[in-house]
Amino acid sequence: MYDFLNKEIDKRNKFIYSIAKFFAIWGHNHLAKPHEEIHDDIKRLKDKKAVFLFAGLHKSLWETTGVITSLHFNNLPVPFIGMGNNLVRGKFFQNLAKKTGVFLIKRANTRRDIVKSAESLKKTILNFIAHGTDILIFPEGTRKNISQNGKYGGFFPTVFEAMLEYERNKKEILKSNKNLSDNETYIVPFNVDYSKVREDVEIIKNSKNIPHTFHIIDSLKMLKNLGNIYISIGKPISVSANIEKNRKELAKYTRERCLDLVKILPINIVSRSILDSHKNGQIKYKEIPYNISENIKKLEMYKDRFRGFNIKDKPQDIINTLNRNEIELKKIDPGNLAVYKLYSNYISHYFEKRGE
């Protein structure tokens, strides 16, 4: 029997939420140059009272507020956000986060804790969805997959299990909870690409897998110009139309749709080409333009995902674009190989599809 209590959902505090919204909008307008691509079906389905679980790849803490600010500007409801409790230290900051619309996910260390955390997360998601409340979550679980493993991580299946369970047991849920409405549920894939990930240097540092950004004070230290931000919110995935899938299959399918949203930026192409020009501990600078041309040719089939340049641009023009906007690349240095590798690996799956 399902028993969902609305009181289990922490309500936003209007005053605290308004302050958080002010800073989110200010940062969106003054620290970034956002470019939005939002699928038309989202507004159409929301007009029909559909409920969304936004699921995305994770590169930076910025997208936690950046995506919901874009939704706000497009007159869409702001979802509640799932965030690891290791990122919000102390009861004061945790209570503050909850009042802005964050629900905390316990990071587990033991197998027993993992099971308990997964059950708690599933119950939380079921409760939100049953009450018609949109949520946003990063099923990878960490921003550091690219820096640690060289590729995006797999999506944990718990969130997708919750969505499937709601659809499969909707009649029983509605029968047990007379105050609930019959909600059509969708998973919305999203992705954010950056010309400058605000905590790129912090991400590549090794510190026992502990994120370097812990709470709002640390975040304030990293306020800086982010450059061009590409926010892509894709076509909603109907849960009822995928009800025959198991939780792992739905997780994999959603991840693939998120990967399809990844944009290819000048910093990704140039970084990949710098790595291709690195031999015997030295960067062969004269080879970089040639490798840029070669990498663009390899990715020609994905030219619709190029942003900030096009397939006809000359390599030096692409380098000049970075020199104007990205201070970190004005001086190409072998000591920065970890940074180049980070930006190169954000698009590595496109090369993997070619078998490279």
Protein backbone atom coordinates (compact mmCIF):
# COMPACT_ATOMS: atom_id res chain seq x y z
CA MET A 1 0.00 0.00 0.00
CA TYR A 2 1.22 3.45 -0.91
CA ASP A 3 0.82 6.28 1.58
CA PHE A 4 2.22 9.61 0.44
CA LEU A 5 2.13 12.61 2.73
CA ASN A 6 2.60 16.05 1.22
CA LYS A 7 4.16 17.23 4.50
CA GLU A 8 7.20 15.05 3.75
CA ILE A 9 8.08 17.50 0.97
CA ASP A 10 9.96 20.48 2.45
CA LYS A 11 8.26 23.68 1.40
CA ARG A 12 10.25 26.59 0.02
CA ASN A 13 10.61 29.51 2.38
CA LYS A 14 9.39 32.50 0.35
CA PHE A 15 11.90 34.96 1.79
CA ILE A 16 14.95 32.70 1.55
CA TYR A 17 13.88 31.42 -1.86
CA SER A 18 13.48 34.98 -3.17
CA ILE A 19 17.04 35.82 -2.07
CA ALA A 20 18.41 32.67 -3.71
CA LYS A 21 16.44 33.45 -6.87
CA PHE A 22 17.85 36.98 -6.97
CA PHE A 23 21.44 35.75 -6.88
CA ALA A 24 20.72 32.96 -9.38
CA ILE A 25 19.22 35.42 -11.85
CA TRP A 26 21.99 37.96 -11.25
CA GLY A 27 24.67 35.33 -11.90
CA HIS A 28 22.80 34.09 -14.97
CA ASN A 29 22.68 37.60 -16.41
CA HIS A 30 26.12 38.92 -15.40
CA LEU A 31 28.51 35.98 -15.02
CA ALA A 32 27.47 33.90 -18.01
CA LYS A 33 26.43 34.22 -21.62
CA PRO A 34 23.66 31.60 -21.71
CA HIS A 35 22.40 30.06 -24.94
CA GLU A 36 19.21 28.05 -24.53
CA GLU A 37 17.78 25.21 -26.59
CA ILE A 38 14.55 23.96 -25.01
CA HIS A 39 12.41 21.37 -26.79
CA ASP A 40 8.96 22.64 -27.77
CA ASP A 41 7.22 19.62 -26.23
CA ILE A 42 8.15 20.75 -22.72
CA LYS A 43 5.82 23.74 -22.66
CA ARG A 44 3.11 21.83 -24.50
CA LEU A 45 3.18 18.95 -22.03
CA LYS A 46 3.44 21.23 -19.02
CA ASP A 47 0.27 23.00 -20.20
CA LYS A 48 -1.36 19.56 -19.90
CA LYS A 49 -0.11 19.27 -16.29
CA ALA A 50 2.58 16.69 -17.04
CA VAL A 51 5.12 16.02 -14.30
CA PHE A 52 8.83 16.04 -15.15
CA LEU A 53 11.94 14.44 -13.77
CA PHE A 54 14.84 16.40 -15.28
CA ALA A 55 17.89 14.13 -15.57
CA GLY A 56 21.23 15.42 -16.79
CA LEU A 57 24.95 14.95 -17.17
CA HIS A 58 26.99 16.68 -14.49
CA LYS A 59 29.97 18.95 -15.22
CA SER A 60 29.75 21.82 -12.77
CA LEU A 61 27.80 23.02 -9.77
CA TRP A 62 26.69 25.96 -11.92
CA GLU A 63 24.05 23.93 -13.77
CA THR A 64 22.29 23.24 -10.48
CA THR A 65 20.96 26.79 -10.59
CA GLY A 66 21.66 27.59 -14.25
CA VAL A 67 19.12 25.11 -15.63
CA ILE A 68 16.34 26.05 -13.23
CA THR A 69 16.94 29.75 -13.94
CA SER A 70 16.45 29.06 -17.65
CA LEU A 71 13.22 27.23 -16.86
CA HIS A 72 12.09 30.22 -14.77
CA PHE A 73 12.82 32.64 -17.64
CA ASN A 74 10.74 30.41 -19.93
CA ASN A 75 7.76 30.52 -17.57
CA LEU A 76 8.13 26.89 -16.53
CA PRO A 77 7.83 25.65 -12.93
CA VAL A 78 11.10 25.51 -11.03
CA PRO A 79 11.79 21.88 -10.01
CA PHE A 80 13.08 20.75 -6.64
CA ILE A 81 16.75 19.76 -6.88
CA GLY A 82 18.44 16.60 -5.63
CA MET A 83 21.91 17.25 -4.22
CA GLY A 84 24.42 15.07 -2.38
CA ASN A 85 24.54 15.84 1.31
CA ASN A 86 28.35 15.93 1.10
CA LEU A 87 28.08 19.16 -0.90
CA VAL A 88 26.14 20.95 1.81
CA ARG A 89 28.02 20.79 5.09
CA GLY A 90 26.43 21.44 8.45
CA LYS A 91 22.83 21.53 9.63
CA PHE A 92 22.56 25.31 9.14
CA PHE A 93 23.45 25.16 5.45
CA GLN A 94 21.45 21.98 4.93
CA ASN A 95 18.31 23.60 6.39
CA LEU A 96 18.98 26.68 4.29
CA ALA A 97 19.29 24.56 1.14
CA LYS A 98 16.02 22.74 1.89
CA LYS A 99 14.22 26.07 2.22
CA THR A 100 15.31 27.01 -1.31
CA GLY A 101 13.96 23.79 -2.83
CA VAL A 102 16.80 21.30 -2.43
CA PHE A 103 16.32 17.75 -1.21
CA LEU A 104 19.46 16.06 0.08
CA ILE A 105 20.64 12.63 -1.06
CA LYS A 106 22.74 10.73 1.43
CA ARG A 107 26.14 9.71 0.12
CA ALA A 108 26.70 6.16 1.34
CA ASN A 109 30.00 4.43 2.13
CA THR A 110 28.94 0.88 3.01
CA ARG A 111 26.80 -1.58 1.05
CA ARG A 112 24.13 -1.42 3.76
CA ASP A 113 24.07 2.37 3.60
CA ILE A 114 23.86 2.26 -0.20
CA VAL A 115 20.70 0.14 -0.01
CA LYS A 116 19.16 2.44 2.62
CA SER A 117 20.09 5.56 0.64
CA ALA A 118 18.59 4.11 -2.56
CA GLU A 119 15.34 3.20 -0.80
CA SER A 120 15.11 6.67 0.73
CA LEU A 121 15.77 8.32 -2.64
CA LYS A 122 13.15 6.16 -4.38
CA LYS A 123 10.56 7.03 -1.75
CA THR A 124 11.41 10.73 -2.06
CA ILE A 125 11.05 10.73 -5.83
CA LEU A 126 7.79 8.78 -5.69
CA ASN A 127 6.41 11.30 -3.22
CA PHE A 128 7.35 14.29 -5.39
CA ILE A 129 5.97 12.74 -8.58
CA ALA A 130 2.77 11.55 -6.90
CA HIS A 131 2.11 15.12 -5.74
CA GLY A 132 2.74 16.52 -9.23
CA THR A 133 6.03 18.21 -8.31
CA ASP A 134 8.86 18.42 -10.84
CA ILE A 135 12.34 17.41 -9.72
CA LEU A 136 15.85 17.74 -11.15
CA ILE A 137 18.62 15.26 -10.47
CA PHE A 138 22.05 14.21 -11.74
CA PRO A 139 21.93 10.39 -12.01
CA GLU A 140 25.72 10.19 -12.50
CA GLY A 141 26.07 11.13 -8.85
CA THR A 142 29.24 13.20 -9.27
CA ARG A 143 30.88 15.86 -11.42
CA LYS A 144 34.19 14.04 -11.42
CA ASN A 145 33.57 11.13 -13.78
CA ILE A 146 35.24 12.92 -16.69
CA SER A 147 38.33 13.91 -14.70
CA GLN A 148 38.69 10.51 -12.99
CA ASN A 149 37.56 8.07 -15.69
CA GLY A 150 37.81 10.05 -18.92
CA LYS A 151 34.11 9.59 -19.71
CA TYR A 152 30.65 10.31 -18.40
CA GLY A 153 29.49 7.93 -15.72
CA GLY A 154 26.61 5.50 -15.89
CA PHE A 155 23.26 6.63 -14.52
CA PHE A 156 22.27 5.10 -11.19
CA PRO A 157 18.98 3.26 -11.79
CA THR A 158 17.15 4.17 -8.56
CA VAL A 159 15.53 7.32 -9.91
CA PHE A 160 14.27 5.45 -12.97
CA GLU A 161 12.97 2.62 -10.83
CA ALA A 162 10.88 5.18 -8.96
CA MET A 163 9.42 6.59 -12.20
CA LEU A 164 8.54 3.12 -13.48
CA GLU A 165 7.03 2.11 -10.14
CA TYR A 166 4.76 5.14 -10.18
CA GLU A 167 3.45 4.36 -13.68
CA ARG A 168 3.05 0.64 -13.01
CA ASN A 169 1.19 1.17 -9.74
CA LYS A 170 -0.65 4.38 -10.51
CA LYS A 171 -4.12 2.91 -9.95
CA GLU A 172 -3.18 1.60 -6.52
CA ILE A 173 -1.44 4.88 -5.63
CA LEU A 174 -4.47 6.96 -6.58
CA LYS A 175 -6.82 4.58 -4.78
CA SER A 176 -4.74 4.77 -1.59
CA ASN A 177 -4.36 8.56 -1.75
CA LYS A 178 -7.65 10.20 -2.67
CA ASN A 179 -6.15 13.71 -2.75
CA LEU A 180 -3.72 12.93 -5.58
CA SER A 181 -4.22 13.64 -9.28
CA ASP A 182 -3.54 11.28 -12.17
CA ASN A 183 -0.20 12.57 -13.49
CA GLU A 184 1.39 11.84 -16.85
CA THR A 185 5.09 11.47 -16.13
CA TYR A 186 8.09 12.24 -18.30
CA ILE A 187 11.86 12.13 -17.97
CA VAL A 188 13.48 15.20 -19.49
CA PRO A 189 17.12 14.81 -20.55
CA PHE A 190 19.31 17.88 -20.27
CA ASN A 191 22.93 18.91 -20.60
CA VAL A 192 25.02 22.04 -20.10
CA ASP A 193 28.22 22.79 -22.01
CA TYR A 194 30.75 25.42 -21.00
CA SER A 195 33.43 27.46 -22.72
CA LYS A 196 34.81 27.70 -19.17
CA VAL A 197 33.81 25.29 -16.40
CA ARG A 198 34.04 27.51 -13.35
CA GLU A 199 35.71 24.87 -11.15
CA ASP A 200 37.77 23.08 -13.79
CA VAL A 201 41.02 23.37 -11.83
CA GLU A 202 39.33 22.24 -8.63
CA ILE A 203 37.81 19.22 -10.39
CA ILE A 204 41.11 17.88 -11.71
CA LYS A 205 42.84 18.06 -8.33
CA ASN A 206 43.13 14.78 -6.48
CA SER A 207 41.74 14.91 -2.97
CA LYS A 208 40.50 11.44 -2.03
CA ASN A 209 37.53 11.86 -4.39
CA ILE A 210 36.13 14.61 -2.15
CA PRO A 211 34.67 17.54 -4.13
CA HIS A 212 36.45 20.82 -3.49
CA THR A 213 33.21 22.79 -3.43
CA PHE A 214 31.36 21.99 -0.23
CA HIS A 215 28.88 24.75 0.49
CA ILE A 216 27.75 28.23 -0.47
CA ILE A 217 30.82 29.96 0.98
CA ASP A 218 33.10 27.93 -1.29
CA SER A 219 30.80 28.63 -4.22
CA LEU A 220 31.02 32.38 -3.63
CA LYS A 221 34.82 32.13 -3.87
CA MET A 222 34.43 30.89 -7.43
CA LEU A 223 32.20 33.64 -8.75
CA LYS A 224 33.77 34.54 -12.07
CA ASN A 225 32.92 35.16 -15.69
CA LEU A 226 31.86 31.78 -17.08
CA GLY A 227 31.75 32.76 -20.74
CA ASN A 228 29.39 31.00 -23.13
CA ILE A 229 27.02 28.47 -21.56
CA TYR A 230 24.94 26.15 -23.75
CA ILE A 231 21.85 24.85 -21.96
CA SER A 232 20.15 22.03 -23.85
CA ILE A 233 16.87 20.60 -22.60
CA GLY A 234 15.74 17.77 -24.83
CA LYS A 235 12.62 15.95 -25.88
CA PRO A 236 10.68 14.53 -22.90
CA ILE A 237 10.68 10.75 -22.59
CA SER A 238 7.27 9.30 -21.78
CA VAL A 239 7.57 6.86 -18.88
CA SER A 240 4.33 5.07 -19.81
CA ALA A 241 5.65 4.51 -23.35
CA ASN A 242 8.77 2.89 -21.88
CA ILE A 243 7.09 0.90 -19.14
CA GLU A 244 8.34 -2.41 -20.58
CA LYS A 245 11.92 -1.37 -19.93
CA ASN A 246 13.56 -2.28 -16.66
CA ARG A 247 15.21 0.38 -14.52
CA LYS A 248 18.70 -0.18 -15.97
CA GLU A 249 17.43 -0.04 -19.54
CA LEU A 250 15.57 3.21 -18.89
CA ALA A 251 18.63 4.67 -17.16
CA LYS A 252 20.82 3.74 -20.13
CA TYR A 253 18.31 5.11 -22.64
CA THR A 254 18.08 8.43 -20.77
CA ARG A 255 21.87 8.70 -20.57
CA GLU A 256 22.13 8.20 -24.33
CA ARG A 257 19.62 11.00 -24.92
CA CYS A 258 21.68 13.26 -22.64
CA LEU A 259 24.86 12.41 -24.56
CA ASP A 260 23.09 13.38 -27.79
CA LEU A 261 22.64 16.88 -26.32
CA VAL A 262 26.37 17.48 -25.74
CA LYS A 263 27.59 20.40 -27.85
CA ILE A 264 31.04 20.60 -29.44
CA LEU A 265 32.73 23.90 -28.59
CA PRO A 266 36.01 25.49 -29.74
CA ILE A 267 37.62 24.70 -26.38
CA ASN A 268 36.80 21.00 -26.84
CA ILE A 269 38.24 20.82 -30.36
CA VAL A 270 41.38 22.80 -29.54
CA SER A 271 42.01 20.83 -26.33
CA ARG A 272 41.70 17.53 -28.20
CA SER A 273 44.09 18.84 -30.85
CA ILE A 274 46.64 19.98 -28.26
CA LEU A 275 46.65 16.47 -26.80
CA ASP A 276 47.08 15.00 -30.29
CA SER A 277 50.09 17.30 -30.71
CA HIS A 278 51.70 16.22 -27.44
CA LYS A 279 54.59 13.82 -28.00
CA ASN A 280 57.51 12.80 -25.81
CA GLY A 281 56.64 15.33 -23.15
CA GLN A 282 56.46 18.26 -25.58
CA ILE A 283 53.66 20.00 -27.45
CA LYS A 284 54.36 20.28 -31.17
CA TYR A 285 52.77 23.69 -31.60
CA LYS A 286 52.94 23.67 -35.39
CA GLU A 287 50.86 20.49 -35.48
CA ILE A 288 47.92 21.97 -33.59
CA PRO A 289 46.21 23.68 -36.59
CA TYR A 290 46.52 20.49 -38.65
CA ASN A 291 45.03 18.39 -35.84
CA ILE A 292 42.18 20.88 -35.46
CA SER A 293 41.32 20.39 -39.14
CA GLU A 294 41.55 16.62 -38.80
CA ASN A 295 39.34 16.51 -35.70
CA ILE A 296 36.72 18.69 -37.34
CA LYS A 297 36.65 16.31 -40.30
CA LYS A 298 36.22 13.36 -37.95
CA LEU A 299 33.24 15.07 -36.33
CA GLU A 300 31.63 16.30 -39.54
CA MET A 301 28.65 13.99 -38.99
CA TYR A 302 27.93 15.93 -35.79
CA LYS A 303 28.27 19.40 -37.30
CA ASP A 304 24.74 20.23 -36.15
CA ARG A 305 26.17 20.13 -32.61
CA PHE A 306 28.99 22.61 -33.31
CA ARG A 307 28.60 25.83 -31.31
CA GLY A 308 30.84 28.91 -31.44
CA PHE A 309 32.36 27.83 -34.76
CA ASN A 310 31.35 26.05 -37.94
CA ILE A 311 32.83 23.42 -40.17
CA LYS A 312 34.21 26.00 -42.63
CA ASP A 313 36.18 27.96 -40.03
CA LYS A 314 39.95 27.92 -40.36
CA PRO A 315 41.92 26.42 -37.44
CA GLN A 316 43.60 29.73 -36.63
CA ASP A 317 40.20 31.44 -36.46
CA ILE A 318 39.07 28.89 -33.88
CA ILE A 319 42.28 29.41 -31.88
CA ASN A 320 41.79 33.17 -32.06
CA THR A 321 38.27 32.76 -30.69
CA LEU A 322 39.71 31.06 -27.63
CA ASN A 323 42.48 33.66 -27.29
CA ARG A 324 39.85 36.39 -27.11
CA ASN A 325 37.66 34.61 -24.58
CA GLU A 326 39.66 32.03 -22.65
CA ILE A 327 42.66 33.39 -20.78
CA GLU A 328 43.75 29.88 -19.80
CA LEU A 329 44.52 28.98 -23.43
CA LYS A 330 46.45 32.12 -24.38
CA LYS A 331 49.59 30.32 -23.32
CA ILE A 332 49.50 26.65 -24.25
CA ASP A 333 51.60 24.91 -21.64
CA PRO A 334 52.42 21.20 -21.11
CA GLY A 335 51.72 21.86 -17.44
CA ASN A 336 48.05 22.36 -18.31
CA LEU A 337 47.58 18.96 -19.96
CA ALA A 338 45.10 17.87 -17.27
CA VAL A 339 42.88 20.85 -18.11
CA TYR A 340 43.09 20.16 -21.86
CA LYS A 341 42.27 16.51 -21.18
CA LEU A 342 39.20 17.52 -19.17
CA TYR A 343 37.74 19.63 -21.98
CA SER A 344 38.72 17.05 -24.60
CA ASN A 345 36.99 14.23 -22.73
CA TYR A 346 33.70 16.12 -22.62
CA ILE A 347 33.31 15.17 -26.30
CA SER A 348 35.26 11.87 -26.26
CA HIS A 349 32.09 9.80 -26.76
CA TYR A 350 31.74 11.23 -30.27
CA PHE A 351 35.17 9.86 -31.17
CA GLU A 352 34.37 6.55 -29.48
CA LYS A 353 31.38 6.14 -31.77
CA ARG A 354 33.87 6.26 -34.63
CA GLY A 355 35.93 3.56 -32.95
CA GLU A 356 38.82 5.90 -32.04
